[in-house]
Protein backbone atom coordinates (compact mmCIF):
# COMPACT_ATOMS: atom_id res chain seq x y z
CA UNK A 1 138.96 -13.89 242.63
CA UNK A 2 140.93 -10.63 242.85
CA UNK A 3 143.71 -11.55 245.34
CA UNK A 4 145.40 -8.12 244.85
CA UNK A 5 142.28 -6.43 246.14
CA UNK A 6 142.28 -8.57 249.31
CA UNK A 7 145.96 -7.92 249.74
CA UNK A 8 145.36 -4.22 249.50
CA UNK A 9 142.50 -4.38 252.00
CA UNK A 10 144.68 -6.34 254.49
CA UNK A 11 147.60 -4.00 254.05
CA UNK A 12 145.39 -1.01 254.63
CA UNK A 13 144.01 -2.59 257.75
CA UNK A 14 147.46 -3.27 259.16
CA UNK A 15 148.59 0.20 258.32
CA UNK A 16 145.63 1.90 260.06
CA UNK A 17 146.04 -0.44 263.02
CA UNK A 18 149.68 0.58 263.40
CA UNK A 19 149.02 4.24 263.06
CA UNK A 20 146.13 4.36 265.37
CA UNK A 21 147.76 2.20 268.03
CA UNK A 22 150.99 4.21 267.93
CA UNK A 23 149.34 7.68 267.99
CA UNK A 24 149.12 7.98 271.75
CA UNK A 25 152.77 7.00 272.18
CA UNK A 26 153.95 9.28 269.39
CA UNK A 27 151.99 12.13 270.92
CA UNK A 28 153.52 11.44 274.31
CA UNK A 29 156.99 11.62 272.78
CA UNK A 30 156.13 14.86 271.03
CA UNK A 31 154.89 16.46 274.20
CA UNK A 32 157.95 15.43 276.07
CA UNK A 33 160.24 16.85 273.38
CA UNK A 34 158.16 20.02 273.26
CA UNK A 35 157.92 20.27 277.01
CA UNK A 36 154.18 20.55 276.86
CA UNK A 37 151.72 19.81 279.64
CA UNK A 38 152.01 17.50 281.70
CA UNK A 39 155.78 17.22 280.79
CA UNK A 40 156.91 20.61 282.01
CA UNK A 41 160.09 20.47 283.98
CA UNK A 42 159.98 22.61 287.05
CA UNK A 43 163.25 21.45 288.61
CA UNK A 44 165.85 18.83 287.81
CA UNK A 45 169.04 17.80 289.62
CA UNK A 46 169.53 14.59 287.71
CA UNK A 47 172.05 14.21 285.01
CA UNK A 48 169.59 12.18 282.91
CA UNK A 49 167.26 14.09 280.59
CA UNK A 50 163.87 14.82 282.11
CA UNK A 51 161.11 12.30 281.51
CA UNK A 52 163.57 9.89 279.93
CA UNK A 53 161.83 6.82 281.29
CA UNK A 54 158.41 7.94 279.94
CA UNK A 55 159.93 8.71 276.52
CA UNK A 56 161.67 5.30 276.37
CA UNK A 57 158.52 3.52 277.48
CA UNK A 58 156.64 5.11 274.69
CA UNK A 59 159.39 4.16 272.24
CA UNK A 60 159.26 0.54 273.44
CA UNK A 61 155.44 0.52 272.99
CA UNK A 62 155.84 1.77 269.44
CA UNK A 63 158.39 -1.06 268.78
CA UNK A 64 156.12 -3.71 270.25
CA UNK A 65 153.17 -2.58 268.10
CA UNK A 66 155.54 -2.78 265.00
CA UNK A 67 156.63 -6.31 266.05
CA UNK A 68 153.03 -7.34 266.23
CA UNK A 69 152.26 -5.97 262.77
CA UNK A 70 155.19 -7.72 261.04
CA UNK A 71 153.73 -11.28 261.30
CA UNK A 72 150.42 -9.97 259.92
CA UNK A 73 152.28 -8.53 256.98
CA UNK A 74 154.25 -11.68 256.48
CA UNK A 75 151.13 -13.88 256.51
CA UNK A 76 149.37 -11.61 254.10
CA UNK A 77 152.20 -11.63 251.57
CA UNK A 78 152.55 -15.35 252.10
CA UNK A 79 148.85 -15.94 251.19
CA UNK A 80 149.12 -13.60 248.28
CA UNK A 81 152.10 -15.35 246.82
CA UNK A 82 150.54 -18.85 247.48
CA UNK A 83 147.38 -17.81 245.60
CA UNK A 84 149.54 -16.78 242.57
CA UNK A 85 151.39 -20.08 242.79
CA UNK A 86 148.11 -22.09 242.63
CA UNK A 87 147.09 -20.32 239.41
């Protein structure tokens, strides 16, 4: 059995999962940074940067998705190394 192939497939799956799940949040941060619609500042009296809470929420979402992918990576590498150990 080609365990390297299965490891590669699993890693590709985890990578596409991370990228596709993070895409809306990365896009939201980009729109806030570029002041694109719907994040156009009309008036601001606050000392905090505009749309800071939305930007931080997107950042937290990206981090949670990353924290979800780490155990999948760990399990994949664990199984890969175990299969080599049993040979």
